[in-house]
Amino acid sequence: MIRYCIALAGLSLALTHGASAATREEQTKACRGDALRLCALAIPNEAKITACMQKKIDKLSPQCRAMFAPVPQAKKAPVPKPKQA
């Protein structure tokens, strides 16, 4: 059981890289059940859990799937072209 808790904490860290501004608690709450249900054989390897869940993203709960969504980036304003004299 302790291995599952450690692995799920690691999963939270792995999700942080591509997830929205969710806290670790929110990420763990959203994905714990999916990790155990879909990727239990990958536990406790964090990289394998993340890869497994990304591979099965269509089977994840909507809450967990949202943790894998890329963070929207602000669009950069176009650079004005210099005027020719």
C-alpha atoms as a PDB file:
ATOM      1  CA  MET A   1       0.000   0.000   0.000  1.00  0.00           C
ATOM      2  CA  ILE A   2       2.829   2.379   0.810  1.00  0.00           C
ATOM      3  CA  ARG A   3       4.276   1.713  -2.670  1.00  0.00           C
ATOM      4  CA  TYR A   4       1.002   2.880  -4.204  1.00  0.00           C
ATOM      5  CA  CYS A   5       1.056   6.109  -2.211  1.00  0.00           C
ATOM      6  CA  ILE A   6       4.658   6.812  -3.176  1.00  0.00           C
ATOM      7  CA  ALA A   7       3.953   6.033  -6.811  1.00  0.00           C
ATOM      8  CA  LEU A   8       0.900   8.243  -6.875  1.00  0.00           C
ATOM      9  CA  ALA A   9       2.890  11.083  -5.348  1.00  0.00           C
ATOM     10  CA  GLY A  10       5.410  10.569  -8.120  1.00  0.00           C
ATOM     11  CA  LEU A  11       2.611  10.560 -10.653  1.00  0.00           C
ATOM     12  CA  SER A  12       1.599  13.957  -9.402  1.00  0.00           C
ATOM     13  CA  LEU A  13       5.108  15.209 -10.036  1.00  0.00           C
ATOM     14  CA  ALA A  14       5.099  13.744 -13.527  1.00  0.00           C
ATOM     15  CA  LEU A  15       1.785  15.355 -14.342  1.00  0.00           C
ATOM     16  CA  THR A  16       3.027  18.733 -13.191  1.00  0.00           C
ATOM     17  CA  HIS A  17       5.171  19.084 -16.291  1.00  0.00           C
ATOM     18  CA  GLY A  18       2.247  19.052 -18.705  1.00  0.00           C
ATOM     19  CA  ALA A  19      -0.679  19.868 -16.528  1.00  0.00           C
ATOM     20  CA  SER A  20      -2.515  23.024 -15.868  1.00  0.00           C
ATOM     21  CA  ALA A  21      -2.006  24.988 -12.680  1.00  0.00           C
ATOM     22  CA  ALA A  22      -3.536  22.213 -10.591  1.00  0.00           C
ATOM     23  CA  THR A  23      -2.041  21.430  -7.218  1.00  0.00           C
ATOM     24  CA  ARG A  24      -0.466  18.070  -6.456  1.00  0.00           C
ATOM     25  CA  GLU A  25      -3.472  17.204  -4.291  1.00  0.00           C
ATOM     26  CA  GLU A  26      -5.853  17.965  -7.154  1.00  0.00           C
ATOM     27  CA  GLN A  27      -3.772  15.901  -9.581  1.00  0.00           C
ATOM     28  CA  THR A  28      -3.597  12.953  -7.203  1.00  0.00           C
ATOM     29  CA  LYS A  29      -7.316  13.132  -6.456  1.00  0.00           C
ATOM     30  CA  ALA A  30      -8.157  13.319 -10.156  1.00  0.00           C
ATOM     31  CA  CYS A  31      -5.891  10.468 -11.288  1.00  0.00           C
ATOM     32  CA  ARG A  32      -5.457   8.047  -8.384  1.00  0.00           C
ATOM     33  CA  GLY A  33      -8.326   5.779  -9.404  1.00  0.00           C
ATOM     34  CA  ASP A  34      -7.347   5.798 -13.068  1.00  0.00           C
ATOM     35  CA  ALA A  35      -3.718   4.960 -12.232  1.00  0.00           C
ATOM     36  CA  LEU A  36      -4.766   2.016 -10.094  1.00  0.00           C
ATOM     37  CA  ARG A  37      -7.403   0.828 -12.561  1.00  0.00           C
ATOM     38  CA  LEU A  38      -5.493   1.227 -15.817  1.00  0.00           C
ATOM     39  CA  CYS A  39      -1.793   1.214 -14.954  1.00  0.00           C
ATOM     40  CA  ALA A  40      -1.363  -0.778 -11.742  1.00  0.00           C
ATOM     41  CA  LEU A  41       1.399  -2.903 -13.262  1.00  0.00           C
ATOM     42  CA  ALA A  42       3.494   0.242 -13.855  1.00  0.00           C
ATOM     43  CA  ILE A  43       3.445   1.223 -10.177  1.00  0.00           C
ATOM     44  CA  PRO A  44       5.833   2.372  -8.612  1.00  0.00           C
ATOM     45  CA  ASN A  45       7.747   3.553 -11.736  1.00  0.00           C
ATOM     46  CA  GLU A  46       6.611   7.152 -12.262  1.00  0.00           C
ATOM     47  CA  ALA A  47       7.733   7.354 -15.883  1.00  0.00           C
ATOM     48  CA  LYS A  48       5.932   4.112 -16.737  1.00  0.00           C
ATOM     49  CA  ILE A  49       2.748   5.261 -14.987  1.00  0.00           C
ATOM     50  CA  THR A  50       2.762   8.522 -16.918  1.00  0.00           C
ATOM     51  CA  ALA A  51       3.497   6.766 -20.226  1.00  0.00           C
ATOM     52  CA  CYS A  52       0.763   4.221 -19.540  1.00  0.00           C
ATOM     53  CA  MET A  53      -1.783   6.887 -18.737  1.00  0.00           C
ATOM     54  CA  GLN A  54      -0.851   8.938 -21.797  1.00  0.00           C
ATOM     55  CA  LYS A  55      -1.221   5.818 -23.943  1.00  0.00           C
ATOM     56  CA  LYS A  56      -4.676   5.195 -22.442  1.00  0.00           C
ATOM     57  CA  ILE A  57      -5.724   8.851 -22.324  1.00  0.00           C
ATOM     58  CA  ASP A  58      -9.035   8.058 -24.035  1.00  0.00           C
ATOM     59  CA  LYS A  59      -9.930   5.751 -21.115  1.00  0.00           C
ATOM     60  CA  LEU A  60      -9.076   8.266 -18.368  1.00  0.00           C
ATOM     61  CA  SER A  61     -11.764  10.029 -16.413  1.00  0.00           C
ATOM     62  CA  PRO A  62     -12.431  13.579 -17.655  1.00  0.00           C
ATOM     63  CA  GLN A  63     -10.904  14.987 -14.472  1.00  0.00           C
ATOM     64  CA  CYS A  64      -7.658  13.066 -14.928  1.00  0.00           C
ATOM     65  CA  ARG A  65      -7.532  13.687 -18.682  1.00  0.00           C
ATOM     66  CA  ALA A  66      -7.607  17.414 -17.937  1.00  0.00           C
ATOM     67  CA  MET A  67      -4.382  17.002 -15.948  1.00  0.00           C
ATOM     68  CA  PHE A  68      -2.629  15.893 -19.142  1.00  0.00           C
ATOM     69  CA  ALA A  69      -3.846  18.852 -21.195  1.00  0.00           C
ATOM     70  CA  PRO A  70      -1.069  21.228 -22.156  1.00  0.00           C
ATOM     71  CA  VAL A  71      -0.947  24.575 -20.415  1.00  0.00           C
ATOM     72  CA  PRO A  72      -2.333  27.216 -22.779  1.00  0.00           C
ATOM     73  CA  GLN A  73       0.376  29.646 -23.753  1.00  0.00           C
ATOM     74  CA  ALA A  74      -0.286  33.325 -24.254  1.00  0.00           C
ATOM     75  CA  LYS A  75      -0.025  34.370 -27.871  1.00  0.00           C
ATOM     76  CA  LYS A  76       2.796  36.696 -28.646  1.00  0.00           C
ATOM     77  CA  ALA A  77       1.911  39.977 -30.296  1.00  0.00           C
ATOM     78  CA  PRO A  78       3.186  40.162 -33.873  1.00  0.00           C
ATOM     79  CA  VAL A  79       6.317  42.210 -34.323  1.00  0.00           C
ATOM     80  CA  PRO A  80       5.566  45.240 -36.512  1.00  0.00           C
ATOM     81  CA  LYS A  81       7.568  45.458 -39.704  1.00  0.00           C
ATOM     82  CA  PRO A  82       9.826  48.471 -40.005  1.00  0.00           C
ATOM     83  CA  LYS A  83       8.568  51.129 -42.382  1.00  0.00           C
ATOM     84  CA  GLN A  84      10.672  51.803 -45.396  1.00  0.00           C
ATOM     85  CA  ALA A  85      11.387  55.448 -46.193  1.00  0.00           C
END
